Amino acid sequence: GTGNITKLALGAVGVVFGDIGTSPLYAFRETFVGPHPLAIDEL
């Protein structure tokens, strides 16, 4: 059923995607200020 799939899909958002979902807190930042910093320019 479409309703059941939607319900399970919402449930999955709460359980499955937490790790990848919290990556924006540090992933983009670390490429520029991590162990090998990059110049902050358009390129």
PDB file of all heavy atoms in Angstrom:
ATOM      1  N   GLY A   1       0.808  -1.202   0.000  1.00  0.00           N
ATOM      2  CA  GLY A   1       0.000   0.000   0.000  1.00  0.00           C
ATOM      3  C   GLY A   1       0.842   1.252   0.000  1.00  0.00           C
ATOM      4  O   GLY A   1       1.865   1.330   0.665  1.00  0.00           O
ATOM      5  N   THR A   2       0.386   2.253  -0.739  1.00  0.00           N
ATOM      6  CA  THR A   2       1.130   3.506  -0.806  1.00  0.00           C
ATOM      7  C   THR A   2       1.245   4.152   0.562  1.00  0.00           C
ATOM      8  O   THR A   2       2.292   4.681   0.942  1.00  0.00           O
ATOM      9  CB  THR A   2       0.426   4.470  -1.792  1.00  0.00           C
ATOM     10  OG1 THR A   2       0.329   3.831  -3.062  1.00  0.00           O
ATOM     11  CG2 THR A   2       1.202   5.767  -1.917  1.00  0.00           C
ATOM     12  N   GLY A   3       0.149   4.106   1.351  1.00  0.00           N
ATOM     13  CA  GLY A   3       0.178   4.694   2.683  1.00  0.00           C
ATOM     14  C   GLY A   3       1.191   4.028   3.580  1.00  0.00           C
ATOM     15  O   GLY A   3       1.884   4.693   4.353  1.00  0.00           O
ATOM     16  N   ASN A   4       1.269   2.692   3.491  1.00  0.00           N
ATOM     17  CA  ASN A   4       2.218   1.962   4.332  1.00  0.00           C
ATOM     18  C   ASN A   4       3.653   2.286   3.944  1.00  0.00           C
ATOM     19  O   ASN A   4       4.525   2.455   4.801  1.00  0.00           O
ATOM     20  CB  ASN A   4       1.959   0.456   4.202  1.00  0.00           C
ATOM     21  CG  ASN A   4       2.686  -0.344   5.267  1.00  0.00           C
ATOM     22  OD1 ASN A   4       2.802   0.092   6.400  1.00  0.00           O
ATOM     23  ND2 ASN A   4       3.185  -1.502   4.886  1.00  0.00           N
ATOM     24  N   ILE A   5       3.916   2.372   2.645  1.00  0.00           N
ATOM     25  CA  ILE A   5       5.266   2.702   2.177  1.00  0.00           C
ATOM     26  C   ILE A   5       5.653   4.107   2.638  1.00  0.00           C
ATOM     27  O   ILE A   5       6.774   4.344   3.089  1.00  0.00           O
ATOM     28  CB  ILE A   5       5.343   2.591   0.637  1.00  0.00           C
ATOM     29  CG1 ILE A   5       5.272   1.116   0.218  1.00  0.00           C
ATOM     30  CG2 ILE A   5       6.617   3.230   0.107  1.00  0.00           C
ATOM     31  CD1 ILE A   5       5.276   0.901  -1.272  1.00  0.00           C
ATOM     32  N   THR A   6       4.712   5.038   2.557  1.00  0.00           N
ATOM     33  CA  THR A   6       4.988   6.410   2.993  1.00  0.00           C
ATOM     34  C   THR A   6       5.282   6.452   4.484  1.00  0.00           C
ATOM     35  O   THR A   6       6.206   7.148   4.936  1.00  0.00           O
ATOM     36  CB  THR A   6       3.792   7.322   2.663  1.00  0.00           C
ATOM     37  OG1 THR A   6       3.507   7.243   1.266  1.00  0.00           O
ATOM     38  CG2 THR A   6       4.082   8.761   3.050  1.00  0.00           C
ATOM     39  N   LYS A   7       4.515   5.694   5.264  1.00  0.00           N
ATOM     40  CA  LYS A   7       4.723   5.646   6.716  1.00  0.00           C
ATOM     41  C   LYS A   7       6.101   5.081   7.044  1.00  0.00           C
ATOM     42  O   LYS A   7       6.828   5.610   7.892  1.00  0.00           O
ATOM     43  CB  LYS A   7       3.627   4.803   7.367  1.00  0.00           C
ATOM     44  CG  LYS A   7       3.712   4.750   8.886  1.00  0.00           C
ATOM     45  CD  LYS A   7       2.572   3.910   9.453  1.00  0.00           C
ATOM     46  CE  LYS A   7       2.683   3.825  10.980  1.00  0.00           C
ATOM     47  NZ  LYS A   7       1.593   2.976  11.550  1.00  0.00           N
ATOM     48  N   LEU A   8       6.473   4.006   6.361  1.00  0.00           N
ATOM     49  CA  LEU A   8       7.787   3.402   6.580  1.00  0.00           C
ATOM     50  C   LEU A   8       8.898   4.343   6.117  1.00  0.00           C
ATOM     51  O   LEU A   8       9.964   4.408   6.728  1.00  0.00           O
ATOM     52  CB  LEU A   8       7.883   2.061   5.852  1.00  0.00           C
ATOM     53  CG  LEU A   8       7.139   0.900   6.513  1.00  0.00           C
ATOM     54  CD1 LEU A   8       6.996  -0.269   5.551  1.00  0.00           C
ATOM     55  CD2 LEU A   8       7.856   0.446   7.776  1.00  0.00           C
ATOM     56  N   ALA A   9       8.642   5.069   5.026  1.00  0.00           N
ATOM     57  CA  ALA A   9       9.637   6.016   4.528  1.00  0.00           C
ATOM     58  C   ALA A   9       9.885   7.121   5.556  1.00  0.00           C
ATOM     59  O   ALA A   9      11.030   7.527   5.792  1.00  0.00           O
ATOM     60  CB  ALA A   9       9.177   6.621   3.199  1.00  0.00           C
ATOM     61  N   LEU A  10       8.829   7.600   6.198  1.00  0.00           N
ATOM     62  CA  LEU A  10       8.981   8.605   7.249  1.00  0.00           C
ATOM     63  C   LEU A  10       9.707   8.025   8.460  1.00  0.00           C
ATOM     64  O   LEU A  10      10.554   8.683   9.072  1.00  0.00           O
ATOM     65  CB  LEU A  10       7.608   9.132   7.673  1.00  0.00           C
ATOM     66  CG  LEU A  10       6.910  10.081   6.693  1.00  0.00           C
ATOM     67  CD1 LEU A  10       5.481  10.364   7.145  1.00  0.00           C
ATOM     68  CD2 LEU A  10       7.702  11.385   6.562  1.00  0.00           C
ATOM     69  N   GLY A  11       9.383   6.788   8.810  1.00  0.00           N
ATOM     70  CA  GLY A  11      10.073   6.128   9.908  1.00  0.00           C
ATOM     71  C   GLY A  11      11.554   5.982   9.631  1.00  0.00           C
ATOM     72  O   GLY A  11      12.390   6.156  10.528  1.00  0.00           O
ATOM     73  N   ALA A  12      11.896   5.676   8.385  1.00  0.00           N
ATOM     74  CA  ALA A  12      13.301   5.516   8.007  1.00  0.00           C
ATOM     75  C   ALA A  12      14.066   6.826   8.163  1.00  0.00           C
ATOM     76  O   ALA A  12      15.245   6.824   8.540  1.00  0.00           O
ATOM     77  CB  ALA A  12      13.398   5.020   6.567  1.00  0.00           C
ATOM     78  N   VAL A  13      13.410   7.951   7.891  1.00  0.00           N
ATOM     79  CA  VAL A  13      14.061   9.253   8.061  1.00  0.00           C
ATOM     80  C   VAL A  13      14.509   9.424   9.509  1.00  0.00           C
ATOM     81  O   VAL A  13      15.583   9.974   9.789  1.00  0.00           O
ATOM     82  CB  VAL A  13      13.118  10.398   7.647  1.00  0.00           C
ATOM     83  CG1 VAL A  13      13.711  11.753   8.007  1.00  0.00           C
ATOM     84  CG2 VAL A  13      12.834  10.332   6.151  1.00  0.00           C
ATOM     85  N   GLY A  14      13.720   8.909  10.449  1.00  0.00           N
ATOM     86  CA  GLY A  14      14.043   9.054  11.855  1.00  0.00           C
ATOM     87  C   GLY A  14      15.137   8.145  12.351  1.00  0.00           C
ATOM     88  O   GLY A  14      15.748   8.414  13.385  1.00  0.00           O
ATOM     89  N   VAL A  15      15.405   7.045  11.638  1.00  0.00           N
ATOM     90  CA  VAL A  15      16.343   6.049  12.147  1.00  0.00           C
ATOM     91  C   VAL A  15      17.574   5.889  11.261  1.00  0.00           C
ATOM     92  O   VAL A  15      18.704   5.865  11.736  1.00  0.00           O
ATOM     93  CB  VAL A  15      15.638   4.681  12.310  1.00  0.00           C
ATOM     94  CG1 VAL A  15      16.626   3.600  12.696  1.00  0.00           C
ATOM     95  CG2 VAL A  15      14.536   4.780  13.346  1.00  0.00           C
ATOM     96  N   VAL A  16      17.368   5.799   9.972  1.00  0.00           N
ATOM     97  CA  VAL A  16      18.431   5.377   9.058  1.00  0.00           C
ATOM     98  C   VAL A  16      19.372   6.513   8.667  1.00  0.00           C
ATOM     99  O   VAL A  16      20.572   6.306   8.510  1.00  0.00           O
ATOM    100  CB  VAL A  16      17.817   4.746   7.785  1.00  0.00           C
ATOM    101  CG1 VAL A  16      18.903   4.316   6.817  1.00  0.00           C
ATOM    102  CG2 VAL A  16      16.931   3.572   8.151  1.00  0.00           C
ATOM    103  N   PHE A  17      18.829   7.717   8.513  1.00  0.00           N
ATOM    104  CA  PHE A  17      19.587   8.781   7.856  1.00  0.00           C
ATOM    105  C   PHE A  17      20.250   9.761   8.816  1.00  0.00           C
ATOM    106  O   PHE A  17      20.727  10.816   8.396  1.00  0.00           O
ATOM    107  CB  PHE A  17      18.672   9.545   6.886  1.00  0.00           C
ATOM    108  CG  PHE A  17      18.118   8.681   5.792  1.00  0.00           C
ATOM    109  CD1 PHE A  17      16.833   8.176   5.868  1.00  0.00           C
ATOM    110  CD2 PHE A  17      18.891   8.350   4.691  1.00  0.00           C
ATOM    111  CE1 PHE A  17      16.320   7.371   4.864  1.00  0.00           C
ATOM    112  CE2 PHE A  17      18.391   7.548   3.684  1.00  0.00           C
ATOM    113  CZ  PHE A  17      17.094   7.055   3.767  1.00  0.00           C
ATOM    114  N   GLY A  18      20.287   9.424  10.110  1.00  0.00           N
ATOM    115  CA  GLY A  18      20.874  10.344  11.074  1.00  0.00           C
ATOM    116  C   GLY A  18      22.345  10.596  10.838  1.00  0.00           C
ATOM    117  O   GLY A  18      22.816  11.739  10.914  1.00  0.00           O
ATOM    118  N   ASP A  19      23.113   9.554  10.533  1.00  0.00           N
ATOM    119  CA  ASP A  19      24.557   9.693  10.347  1.00  0.00           C
ATOM    120  C   ASP A  19      24.873  10.581   9.152  1.00  0.00           C
ATOM    121  O   ASP A  19      25.588  11.577   9.258  1.00  0.00           O
ATOM    122  CB  ASP A  19      25.169   8.297  10.171  1.00  0.00           C
ATOM    123  CG  ASP A  19      26.692   8.319  10.299  1.00  0.00           C
ATOM    124  OD1 ASP A  19      27.261   9.417  10.425  1.00  0.00           O
ATOM    125  OD2 ASP A  19      27.308   7.242  10.264  1.00  0.00           O
ATOM    126  N   ILE A  20      24.328  10.234   8.003  1.00  0.00           N
ATOM    127  CA  ILE A  20      24.600  11.035   6.802  1.00  0.00           C
ATOM    128  C   ILE A  20      23.931  12.407   6.910  1.00  0.00           C
ATOM    129  O   ILE A  20      24.419  13.400   6.362  1.00  0.00           O
ATOM    130  CB  ILE A  20      24.127  10.292   5.530  1.00  0.00           C
ATOM    131  CG1 ILE A  20      24.746  10.932   4.285  1.00  0.00           C
ATOM    132  CG2 ILE A  20      22.612  10.233   5.424  1.00  0.00           C
ATOM    133  CD1 ILE A  20      24.559  10.106   3.019  1.00  0.00           C
ATOM    134  N   GLY A  21      22.831  12.489   7.678  1.00  0.00           N
ATOM    135  CA  GLY A  21      22.107  13.755   7.817  1.00  0.00           C
ATOM    136  C   GLY A  21      22.835  14.779   8.653  1.00  0.00           C
ATOM    137  O   GLY A  21      22.629  15.983   8.478  1.00  0.00           O
ATOM    138  N   THR A  22      23.687  14.324   9.573  1.00  0.00           N
ATOM    139  CA  THR A  22      24.423  15.281  10.407  1.00  0.00           C
ATOM    140  C   THR A  22      25.774  15.653   9.799  1.00  0.00           C
ATOM    141  O   THR A  22      26.488  16.490  10.364  1.00  0.00           O
ATOM    142  CB  THR A  22      24.638  14.704  11.821  1.00  0.00           C
ATOM    143  OG1 THR A  22      25.251  13.415  11.723  1.00  0.00           O
ATOM    144  CG2 THR A  22      23.309  14.571  12.553  1.00  0.00           C
ATOM    145  N   SER A  23      26.113  15.077   8.660  1.00  0.00           N
ATOM    146  CA  SER A  23      27.388  15.406   8.005  1.00  0.00           C
ATOM    147  C   SER A  23      27.531  16.877   7.608  1.00  0.00           C
ATOM    148  O   SER A  23      28.647  17.406   7.631  1.00  0.00           O
ATOM    149  CB  SER A  23      27.596  14.517   6.771  1.00  0.00           C
ATOM    150  OG  SER A  23      27.729  13.161   7.149  1.00  0.00           O
ATOM    151  N   PRO A  24      26.445  17.588   7.218  1.00  0.00           N
ATOM    152  CA  PRO A  24      26.614  19.004   6.868  1.00  0.00           C
ATOM    153  C   PRO A  24      27.168  19.863   8.003  1.00  0.00           C
ATOM    154  O   PRO A  24      27.658  20.969   7.752  1.00  0.00           O
ATOM    155  CB  PRO A  24      25.184  19.444   6.501  1.00  0.00           C
ATOM    156  CG  PRO A  24      24.516  18.198   6.026  1.00  0.00           C
ATOM    157  CD  PRO A  24      25.075  17.114   6.884  1.00  0.00           C
ATOM    158  N   LEU A  25      27.119  19.363   9.237  1.00  0.00           N
ATOM    159  CA  LEU A  25      27.653  20.127  10.357  1.00  0.00           C
ATOM    160  C   LEU A  25      29.165  20.301  10.252  1.00  0.00           C
ATOM    161  O   LEU A  25      29.712  21.285  10.760  1.00  0.00           O
ATOM    162  CB  LEU A  25      27.314  19.453  11.692  1.00  0.00           C
ATOM    163  CG  LEU A  25      25.962  19.797  12.334  1.00  0.00           C
ATOM    164  CD1 LEU A  25      24.807  19.203  11.545  1.00  0.00           C
ATOM    165  CD2 LEU A  25      25.917  19.276  13.776  1.00  0.00           C
ATOM    166  N   TYR A  26      29.833  19.347   9.584  1.00  0.00           N
ATOM    167  CA  TYR A  26      31.302  19.409   9.586  1.00  0.00           C
ATOM    168  C   TYR A  26      31.966  19.060   8.252  1.00  0.00           C
ATOM    169  O   TYR A  26      33.121  19.401   8.035  1.00  0.00           O
ATOM    170  CB  TYR A  26      31.867  18.478  10.672  1.00  0.00           C
ATOM    171  CG  TYR A  26      31.270  17.090  10.663  1.00  0.00           C
ATOM    172  CD1 TYR A  26      31.709  16.110   9.785  1.00  0.00           C
ATOM    173  CD2 TYR A  26      30.255  16.744  11.552  1.00  0.00           C
ATOM    174  CE1 TYR A  26      31.156  14.851   9.775  1.00  0.00           C
ATOM    175  CE2 TYR A  26      29.696  15.479  11.557  1.00  0.00           C
ATOM    176  CZ  TYR A  26      30.147  14.537  10.671  1.00  0.00           C
ATOM    177  OH  TYR A  26      29.587  13.287  10.664  1.00  0.00           O
ATOM    178  N   ALA A  27      31.276  18.380   7.332  1.00  0.00           N
ATOM    179  CA  ALA A  27      31.934  17.879   6.116  1.00  0.00           C
ATOM    180  C   ALA A  27      32.480  19.003   5.238  1.00  0.00           C
ATOM    181  O   ALA A  27      33.649  18.986   4.829  1.00  0.00           O
ATOM    182  CB  ALA A  27      30.963  17.002   5.319  1.00  0.00           C
ATOM    183  N   PHE A  28      31.641  20.003   4.910  1.00  0.00           N
ATOM    184  CA  PHE A  28      32.074  21.102   4.043  1.00  0.00           C
ATOM    185  C   PHE A  28      33.191  21.904   4.717  1.00  0.00           C
ATOM    186  O   PHE A  28      34.189  22.264   4.091  1.00  0.00           O
ATOM    187  CB  PHE A  28      30.876  22.004   3.727  1.00  0.00           C
ATOM    188  CG  PHE A  28      31.174  23.092   2.733  1.00  0.00           C
ATOM    189  CD1 PHE A  28      31.319  22.816   1.383  1.00  0.00           C
ATOM    190  CD2 PHE A  28      31.307  24.414   3.153  1.00  0.00           C
ATOM    191  CE1 PHE A  28      31.591  23.824   0.464  1.00  0.00           C
ATOM    192  CE2 PHE A  28      31.579  25.430   2.249  1.00  0.00           C
ATOM    193  CZ  PHE A  28      31.726  25.128   0.902  1.00  0.00           C
ATOM    194  N   ARG A  29      33.034  22.152   6.021  1.00  0.00           N
ATOM    195  CA  ARG A  29      34.034  22.923   6.767  1.00  0.00           C
ATOM    196  C   ARG A  29      35.392  22.233   6.753  1.00  0.00           C
ATOM    197  O   ARG A  29      36.429  22.885   6.551  1.00  0.00           O
ATOM    198  CB  ARG A  29      33.555  23.083   8.220  1.00  0.00           C
ATOM    199  CG  ARG A  29      34.540  23.777   9.137  1.00  0.00           C
ATOM    200  CD  ARG A  29      34.136  23.582  10.594  1.00  0.00           C
ATOM    201  NE  ARG A  29      34.363  22.209  11.038  1.00  0.00           N
ATOM    202  CZ  ARG A  29      33.831  21.677  12.132  1.00  0.00           C
ATOM    203  NH1 ARG A  29      33.002  22.392  12.876  1.00  0.00           N
ATOM    204  NH2 ARG A  29      34.105  20.440  12.479  1.00  0.00           N
ATOM    205  N   GLU A  30      35.399  20.904   6.965  1.00  0.00           N
ATOM    206  CA  GLU A  30      36.661  20.191   7.124  1.00  0.00           C
ATOM    207  C   GLU A  30      37.518  20.192   5.869  1.00  0.00           C
ATOM    208  O   GLU A  30      38.735  20.075   5.936  1.00  0.00           O
ATOM    209  CB  GLU A  30      36.412  18.749   7.578  1.00  0.00           C
ATOM    210  CG  GLU A  30      36.020  18.616   9.030  1.00  0.00           C
ATOM    211  CD  GLU A  30      37.028  19.275   9.953  1.00  0.00           C
ATOM    212  OE1 GLU A  30      38.232  18.956   9.846  1.00  0.00           O
ATOM    213  OE2 GLU A  30      36.625  20.125  10.766  1.00  0.00           O
ATOM    214  N   THR A  31      36.895  20.326   4.695  1.00  0.00           N
ATOM    215  CA  THR A  31      37.691  20.360   3.459  1.00  0.00           C
ATOM    216  C   THR A  31      38.522  21.639   3.377  1.00  0.00           C
ATOM    217  O   THR A  31      39.535  21.680   2.676  1.00  0.00           O
ATOM    218  CB  THR A  31      36.781  20.262   2.214  1.00  0.00           C
ATOM    219  OG1 THR A  31      35.805  21.290   2.257  1.00  0.00           O
ATOM    220  CG2 THR A  31      36.106  18.903   2.133  1.00  0.00           C
ATOM    221  N   PHE A  32      38.111  22.672   4.107  1.00  0.00           N
ATOM    222  CA  PHE A  32      38.815  23.958   4.040  1.00  0.00           C
ATOM    223  C   PHE A  32      39.667  24.248   5.266  1.00  0.00           C
ATOM    224  O   PHE A  32      40.692  24.921   5.157  1.00  0.00           O
ATOM    225  CB  PHE A  32      37.802  25.099   3.839  1.00  0.00           C
ATOM    226  CG  PHE A  32      37.192  25.107   2.470  1.00  0.00           C
ATOM    227  CD1 PHE A  32      36.016  24.418   2.211  1.00  0.00           C
ATOM    228  CD2 PHE A  32      37.813  25.765   1.414  1.00  0.00           C
ATOM    229  CE1 PHE A  32      35.456  24.402   0.944  1.00  0.00           C
ATOM    230  CE2 PHE A  32      37.263  25.753   0.142  1.00  0.00           C
ATOM    231  CZ  PHE A  32      36.087  25.069  -0.099  1.00  0.00           C
ATOM    232  N   VAL A  33      39.261  23.757   6.437  1.00  0.00           N
ATOM    233  CA  VAL A  33      40.016  24.086   7.653  1.00  0.00           C
ATOM    234  C   VAL A  33      40.583  22.843   8.330  1.00  0.00           C
ATOM    235  O   VAL A  33      41.084  22.919   9.446  1.00  0.00           O
ATOM    236  CB  VAL A  33      39.122  24.857   8.666  1.00  0.00           C
ATOM    237  CG1 VAL A  33      38.630  26.143   8.054  1.00  0.00           C
ATOM    238  CG2 VAL A  33      37.960  24.003   9.154  1.00  0.00           C
ATOM    239  N   GLY A  34      40.521  21.707   7.647  1.00  0.00           N
ATOM    240  CA  GLY A  34      41.031  20.468   8.217  1.00  0.00           C
ATOM    241  C   GLY A  34      42.543  20.383   8.146  1.00  0.00           C
ATOM    242  O   GLY A  34      43.242  21.406   8.037  1.00  0.00           O
ATOM    243  N   PRO A  35      43.093  19.150   8.185  1.00  0.00           N
ATOM    244  CA  PRO A  35      44.556  18.971   8.192  1.00  0.00           C
ATOM    245  C   PRO A  35      45.244  19.538   6.947  1.00  0.00           C
ATOM    246  O   PRO A  35      46.409  19.910   6.987  1.00  0.00           O
ATOM    247  CB  PRO A  35      44.725  17.448   8.253  1.00  0.00           C
ATOM    248  CG  PRO A  35      43.425  16.930   8.762  1.00  0.00           C
ATOM    249  CD  PRO A  35      42.380  17.868   8.276  1.00  0.00           C
ATOM    250  N   HIS A  36      44.487  19.594   5.823  1.00  0.00           N
ATOM    251  CA  HIS A  36      45.065  20.101   4.564  1.00  0.00           C
ATOM    252  C   HIS A  36      44.172  21.229   4.043  1.00  0.00           C
ATOM    253  O   HIS A  36      43.370  21.033   3.125  1.00  0.00           O
ATOM    254  CB  HIS A  36      45.175  18.968   3.537  1.00  0.00           C
ATOM    255  CG  HIS A  36      45.858  17.752   4.067  1.00  0.00           C
ATOM    256  ND1 HIS A  36      47.215  17.698   4.307  1.00  0.00           N
ATOM    257  CD2 HIS A  36      45.359  16.542   4.435  1.00  0.00           C
ATOM    258  CE1 HIS A  36      47.531  16.509   4.781  1.00  0.00           C
ATOM    259  NE2 HIS A  36      46.431  15.783   4.870  1.00  0.00           N
ATOM    260  N   PRO A  37      44.261  22.431   4.624  1.00  0.00           N
ATOM    261  CA  PRO A  37      43.345  23.533   4.293  1.00  0.00           C
ATOM    262  C   PRO A  37      43.457  23.976   2.842  1.00  0.00           C
ATOM    263  O   PRO A  37      44.522  23.923   2.232  1.00  0.00           O
ATOM    264  CB  PRO A  37      43.763  24.643   5.263  1.00  0.00           C
ATOM    265  CG  PRO A  37      45.166  24.307   5.677  1.00  0.00           C
ATOM    266  CD  PRO A  37      45.260  22.823   5.643  1.00  0.00           C
ATOM    267  N   LEU A  38      42.317  24.397   2.328  1.00  0.00           N
ATOM    268  CA  LEU A  38      42.249  24.905   0.953  1.00  0.00           C
ATOM    269  C   LEU A  38      42.030  26.416   0.974  1.00  0.00           C
ATOM    270  O   LEU A  38      41.483  26.965   1.938  1.00  0.00           O
ATOM    271  CB  LEU A  38      41.079  24.247   0.208  1.00  0.00           C
ATOM    272  CG  LEU A  38      41.103  22.732   0.036  1.00  0.00           C
ATOM    273  CD1 LEU A  38      39.790  22.267  -0.603  1.00  0.00           C
ATOM    274  CD2 LEU A  38      42.281  22.291  -0.820  1.00  0.00           C
ATOM    275  N   ALA A  39      42.423  27.050  -0.082  1.00  0.00           N
ATOM    276  CA  ALA A  39      42.135  28.486  -0.234  1.00  0.00           C
ATOM    277  C   ALA A  39      40.632  28.662  -0.403  1.00  0.00           C
ATOM    278  O   ALA A  39      39.976  27.899  -1.116  1.00  0.00           O
ATOM    279  CB  ALA A  39      42.870  29.042  -1.443  1.00  0.00           C
ATOM    280  N   ILE A  40      40.075  29.672   0.261  1.00  0.00           N
ATOM    281  CA  ILE A  40      38.625  29.899   0.182  1.00  0.00           C
ATOM    282  C   ILE A  40      38.359  30.829  -0.996  1.00  0.00           C
ATOM    283  O   ILE A  40      38.255  32.055  -0.862  1.00  0.00           O
ATOM    284  CB  ILE A  40      38.103  30.492   1.509  1.00  0.00           C
ATOM    285  CG1 ILE A  40      38.485  29.581   2.682  1.00  0.00           C
ATOM    286  CG2 ILE A  40      36.584  30.651   1.459  1.00  0.00           C
ATOM    287  CD1 ILE A  40      38.135  30.155   4.038  1.00  0.00           C
ATOM    288  N   ASP A  41      38.286  30.241  -2.195  1.00  0.00           N
ATOM    289  CA  ASP A  41      38.010  31.018  -3.399  1.00  0.00           C
ATOM    290  C   ASP A  41      37.028  30.243  -4.266  1.00  0.00           C
ATOM    291  O   ASP A  41      36.634  29.116  -3.955  1.00  0.00           O
ATOM    292  CB  ASP A  41      39.306  31.322  -4.160  1.00  0.00           C
ATOM    293  CG  ASP A  41      40.090  30.065  -4.504  1.00  0.00           C
ATOM    294  OD1 ASP A  41      39.477  28.977  -4.632  1.00  0.00           O
ATOM    295  OD2 ASP A  41      41.325  30.133  -4.631  1.00  0.00           O
ATOM    296  N   GLU A  42      36.630  30.843  -5.356  1.00  0.00           N
ATOM    297  CA  GLU A  42      35.592  30.252  -6.204  1.00  0.00           C
ATOM    298  C   GLU A  42      35.996  28.888  -6.745  1.00  0.00           C
ATOM    299  O   GLU A  42      35.186  27.953  -6.762  1.00  0.00           O
ATOM    300  CB  GLU A  42      35.272  31.214  -7.359  1.00  0.00           C
ATOM    301  CG  GLU A  42      34.129  30.726  -8.243  1.00  0.00           C
ATOM    302  CD  GLU A  42      33.741  31.747  -9.304  1.00  0.00           C
ATOM    303  OE1 GLU A  42      33.597  32.939  -8.939  1.00  0.00           O
ATOM    304  OE2 GLU A  42      33.586  31.353 -10.469  1.00  0.00           O
ATOM    305  N   LEU A  43      37.237  28.740  -7.179  1.00  0.00           N
ATOM    306  CA  LEU A  43      37.706  27.468  -7.740  1.00  0.00           C
ATOM    307  C   LEU A  43      37.521  26.329  -6.739  1.00  0.00           C
ATOM    308  O   LEU A  43      36.971  25.272  -7.075  1.00  0.00           O
ATOM    309  CB  LEU A  43      39.190  27.581  -8.128  1.00  0.00           C
ATOM    310  CG  LEU A  43      39.873  26.253  -8.503  1.00  0.00           C
ATOM    311  CD1 LEU A  43      39.383  25.767  -9.851  1.00  0.00           C
ATOM    312  CD2 LEU A  43      41.392  26.415  -8.511  1.00  0.00           C
TER     313      LEU A  43
END
